[in-house]
Amino acid sequence: MYSVRLFCIRHSRGFETIYKGLEKFFLSLHPVLKGIGYNRLERPVAVVEKLSKGLLFDCKMCGQCVLSSTGMSCPMNCPKNIRNGPCGGVRDGGFCEVRPEMRCVWVEAWNGAKNMKNGLERIRIVQPPINRELRGSSSWLRVIREKGAMKDASKGQLDPAKSEMAQAFAKARKLEPAAVPLAREPEAALAEQSVQEQTSVHTSQSQTAGKAEQ
């Protein structure tokens, strides 16, 4: 198992490509998976995930897989379960202080990350504390379910960015005059402009009167 794990880390770029392809494929099946029910699929998918990832990465089924951010080196293989970088007890040659026959998983993670696209950027991302309640659950299903939900939420909006900008512009037009001289001005904008002009005239008259008195 350990030799297979090291093989996967050495070929992290290839496994990254496979992971992205599988994610894209399963995301396309989101409507079908949603129709069947993610809760119904949890147990069989978790079994398949445990067998495959256990063989390749010595996966511990934490339910919060971060292999794509750690150079395909599972941080749960660390005897201390450290999720953010090596501890201070790494031995010479990069070996673990608890298990001297094993190289530190974070030393291997750095080597794997160097082979991946933007891997050295992703490995610097601080991971949240592990949630033990998710242990044994499928990370695959969780990712597909979350991304699928985001995809569903974006339906009906051809361009969310443009839609948001249009809404902001509509609100601004209620108070701001148009840039085009021939455009019809909103009543609120004209009223606001009239108040500003009256205030400006009153201020100017007050300043002139003050100077005359001096």
Protein backbone atom coordinates (compact mmCIF):
# COMPACT_ATOMS: atom_id res chain seq x y z
CA MET A 1 0.00 0.00 0.00
CA TYR A 2 2.76 2.41 0.96
CA SER A 3 4.60 1.90 -2.34
CA VAL A 4 1.36 2.50 -4.27
CA ARG A 5 0.79 5.71 -2.30
CA LEU A 6 4.25 6.97 -3.21
CA PHE A 7 3.62 6.05 -6.85
CA CYS A 8 0.45 8.17 -6.87
CA ILE A 9 2.31 11.13 -5.38
CA ARG A 10 5.07 10.86 -7.98
CA HIS A 11 2.41 10.87 -10.71
CA SER A 12 0.20 13.48 -9.06
CA ARG A 13 -0.28 15.45 -12.29
CA GLY A 14 -1.79 12.44 -14.04
CA PHE A 15 -4.13 11.65 -11.15
CA GLU A 16 -5.15 15.30 -11.03
CA THR A 17 -6.24 15.06 -14.67
CA ILE A 18 -8.18 11.85 -13.94
CA TYR A 19 -9.86 13.47 -10.92
CA LYS A 20 -10.97 16.50 -12.95
CA GLY A 21 -12.34 14.30 -15.70
CA LEU A 22 -14.32 12.16 -13.26
CA GLU A 23 -15.66 15.21 -11.47
CA LYS A 24 -16.85 16.72 -14.74
CA PHE A 25 -18.49 13.44 -15.73
CA PHE A 26 -20.32 12.93 -12.43
CA LEU A 27 -21.36 16.58 -12.32
CA SER A 28 -23.09 16.04 -15.67
CA LEU A 29 -25.05 13.24 -13.95
CA HIS A 30 -26.19 15.54 -11.13
CA PRO A 31 -29.85 15.64 -12.30
CA VAL A 32 -29.95 11.82 -12.37
CA LEU A 33 -28.18 11.47 -9.01
CA LYS A 34 -30.47 14.09 -7.50
CA GLY A 35 -33.49 12.22 -8.83
CA ILE A 36 -32.30 8.93 -7.30
CA GLY A 37 -31.43 10.69 -4.06
CA TYR A 38 -27.96 11.40 -2.73
CA ASN A 39 -28.83 9.84 0.62
CA ARG A 40 -29.71 6.57 -1.09
CA LEU A 41 -26.40 6.57 -2.96
CA GLU A 42 -24.28 7.40 0.08
CA ARG A 43 -23.55 3.86 1.29
CA PRO A 44 -22.70 2.13 -2.04
CA VAL A 45 -20.64 5.07 -3.30
CA ALA A 46 -18.78 5.29 0.03
CA VAL A 47 -17.85 1.60 -0.29
CA VAL A 48 -16.46 2.09 -3.80
CA GLU A 49 -14.62 5.23 -2.73
CA LYS A 50 -13.07 3.49 0.26
CA LEU A 51 -11.83 0.56 -1.82
CA SER A 52 -10.39 2.63 -4.66
CA LYS A 53 -8.88 5.48 -2.63
CA GLY A 54 -7.75 3.08 0.07
CA LEU A 55 -5.74 1.13 -2.52
CA LEU A 56 -4.25 4.22 -4.18
CA PHE A 57 -3.81 6.75 -1.36
CA ASP A 58 -4.25 4.79 1.90
CA CYS A 59 -7.46 6.80 2.29
CA LYS A 60 -8.90 6.97 5.83
CA MET A 61 -12.35 8.14 4.64
CA CYS A 62 -12.36 11.37 6.63
CA GLY A 63 -15.19 12.65 4.44
CA GLN A 64 -13.32 15.88 3.67
CA CYS A 65 -10.84 14.87 0.99
CA VAL A 66 -8.15 17.44 0.17
CA LEU A 67 -5.94 15.34 -2.10
CA SER A 68 -6.13 17.91 -4.90
CA SER A 69 -4.69 20.51 -2.50
CA THR A 70 -2.01 18.32 -0.95
CA GLY A 71 -0.18 16.85 -3.92
CA MET A 72 -2.22 13.63 -3.79
CA SER A 73 -0.71 12.88 -0.37
CA CYS A 74 -3.46 12.22 2.19
CA PRO A 75 -2.75 14.23 5.37
CA MET A 76 -4.77 11.72 7.40
CA ASN A 77 -1.85 9.30 7.00
CA CYS A 78 0.06 11.57 9.37
CA PRO A 79 0.08 9.86 12.81
CA LYS A 80 -0.87 13.23 14.30
CA ASN A 81 -3.55 13.90 11.64
CA ILE A 82 -2.02 17.33 10.97
CA ARG A 83 -4.00 19.05 8.19
CA ASN A 84 -1.77 22.08 7.62
CA GLY A 85 1.90 21.39 7.03
CA PRO A 86 4.51 19.29 8.84
CA CYS A 87 5.13 19.37 12.56
CA GLY A 88 8.45 20.33 14.10
CA GLY A 89 9.59 16.74 14.48
CA VAL A 90 10.47 15.86 10.89
CA ARG A 91 13.69 13.83 10.93
CA ASP A 92 16.66 14.14 8.61
CA GLY A 93 15.76 13.02 5.13
CA GLY A 94 12.13 14.03 5.64
CA PHE A 95 11.13 11.04 7.76
CA CYS A 96 8.34 10.99 10.36
CA GLU A 97 9.32 11.20 14.04
CA VAL A 98 6.48 8.88 15.08
CA ARG A 99 6.99 6.34 12.29
CA PRO A 100 10.69 6.63 11.32
CA GLU A 101 10.29 4.16 8.45
CA MET A 102 7.77 6.47 6.73
CA ARG A 103 8.54 9.78 5.05
CA CYS A 104 6.54 12.72 6.37
CA VAL A 105 3.26 12.96 4.44
CA TRP A 106 3.73 16.73 4.14
CA VAL A 107 7.21 16.39 2.68
CA GLU A 108 5.69 14.06 0.09
CA ALA A 109 2.73 16.44 -0.34
CA TRP A 110 5.08 19.28 -1.28
CA ASN A 111 6.83 17.09 -3.84
CA GLY A 112 3.50 16.05 -5.33
CA ALA A 113 2.17 19.61 -5.38
CA LYS A 114 5.14 20.76 -7.44
CA ASN A 115 4.01 18.48 -10.28
CA MET A 116 0.40 19.74 -10.26
CA LYS A 117 -1.07 22.80 -11.93
CA ASN A 118 -1.06 25.61 -9.34
CA GLY A 119 -0.24 22.93 -6.80
CA LEU A 120 2.12 25.09 -4.75
CA GLU A 121 -0.62 27.73 -4.44
CA ARG A 122 -3.27 25.26 -3.33
CA ILE A 123 -1.05 23.56 -0.77
CA ARG A 124 -0.70 26.92 1.02
CA ILE A 125 -4.46 27.14 1.57
CA VAL A 126 -5.23 26.71 5.27
CA GLN A 127 -7.56 23.74 5.77
CA PRO A 128 -10.31 23.90 8.41
CA PRO A 129 -10.25 21.52 11.38
CA ILE A 130 -11.46 18.02 10.60
CA ASN A 131 -15.13 17.30 11.30
CA ARG A 132 -15.21 13.84 12.84
CA GLU A 133 -18.95 13.51 12.22
CA LEU A 134 -18.26 13.19 8.48
CA ARG A 135 -15.93 10.23 8.90
CA GLY A 136 -16.89 7.34 6.64
CA SER A 137 -19.02 9.47 4.31
CA SER A 138 -18.34 9.97 0.61
CA SER A 139 -16.32 13.05 -0.33
CA TRP A 140 -17.16 12.43 -3.98
CA LEU A 141 -20.90 12.72 -3.43
CA ARG A 142 -20.48 15.78 -1.23
CA VAL A 143 -18.51 17.65 -3.88
CA ILE A 144 -20.94 16.72 -6.68
CA ARG A 145 -23.96 17.59 -4.55
CA GLU A 146 -22.56 21.01 -3.56
CA LYS A 147 -21.41 21.95 -7.06
CA GLY A 148 -24.64 20.63 -8.53
CA ALA A 149 -26.66 22.77 -6.13
CA MET A 150 -24.65 25.83 -7.18
CA LYS A 151 -25.31 24.98 -10.82
CA ASP A 152 -29.05 24.66 -10.13
CA ALA A 153 -29.09 28.01 -8.34
CA SER A 154 -27.51 29.74 -11.32
CA LYS A 155 -30.10 28.46 -13.79
CA GLY A 156 -32.35 31.12 -15.24
CA GLN A 157 -29.60 33.73 -15.13
CA LEU A 158 -27.81 33.91 -18.49
CA ASP A 159 -25.10 36.07 -17.00
CA PRO A 160 -25.27 36.57 -13.19
CA ALA A 161 -22.61 39.31 -13.31
CA LYS A 162 -24.52 41.33 -15.90
CA SER A 163 -27.79 40.78 -14.06
CA GLU A 164 -26.30 42.10 -10.84
CA MET A 165 -24.84 45.13 -12.66
CA ALA A 166 -28.21 45.88 -14.27
CA GLN A 167 -29.95 45.80 -10.91
CA ALA A 168 -27.36 48.12 -9.40
CA PHE A 169 -27.67 50.52 -12.35
CA ALA A 170 -31.46 50.60 -12.02
CA LYS A 171 -31.16 51.59 -8.37
CA ALA A 172 -28.59 54.29 -9.17
CA ARG A 173 -30.82 55.78 -11.89
CA LYS A 174 -33.50 56.56 -9.31
CA LEU A 175 -31.31 59.29 -7.82
CA GLU A 176 -28.66 60.09 -10.43
CA PRO A 177 -29.36 62.12 -13.65
CA ALA A 178 -28.69 60.43 -16.96
CA ALA A 179 -25.51 61.14 -18.89
CA VAL A 180 -27.48 61.61 -22.15
CA PRO A 181 -29.00 65.16 -22.33
CA LEU A 182 -32.13 64.05 -24.22
CA ALA A 183 -32.94 61.19 -21.85
CA ARG A 184 -35.95 61.62 -19.59
CA GLU A 185 -34.81 62.21 -16.05
CA PRO A 186 -36.33 60.28 -13.13
CA GLU A 187 -38.53 62.42 -10.90
CA ALA A 188 -36.42 61.55 -7.86
CA ALA A 189 -33.29 62.68 -9.67
CA LEU A 190 -34.85 65.99 -10.72
CA ALA A 191 -36.10 66.63 -7.20
CA GLU A 192 -32.69 65.85 -5.72
CA GLN A 193 -30.99 68.09 -8.28
CA SER A 194 -33.44 70.97 -7.51
CA VAL A 195 -32.72 70.71 -3.78
CA GLN A 196 -28.96 70.77 -4.45
CA GLU A 197 -29.30 73.87 -6.69
CA GLN A 198 -31.43 75.72 -4.12
CA THR A 199 -28.97 74.85 -1.37
CA SER A 200 -26.08 76.05 -3.53
CA VAL A 201 -27.80 79.38 -4.27
CA HIS A 202 -28.70 79.92 -0.63
CA THR A 203 -25.13 79.20 0.45
CA SER A 204 -23.76 81.61 -2.16
CA GLN A 205 -26.12 84.39 -1.06
CA SER A 206 -25.20 83.87 2.58
CA GLN A 207 -21.49 84.10 1.79
CA THR A 208 -22.03 87.32 -0.24
CA ALA A 209 -24.06 88.92 2.58
CA GLY A 210 -21.40 88.00 5.08
CA LYS A 211 -18.69 89.65 3.03
CA ALA A 212 -20.84 92.84 2.65
CA GLU A 213 -21.30 93.15 6.38
CA GLN A 214 -17.53 92.94 6.91
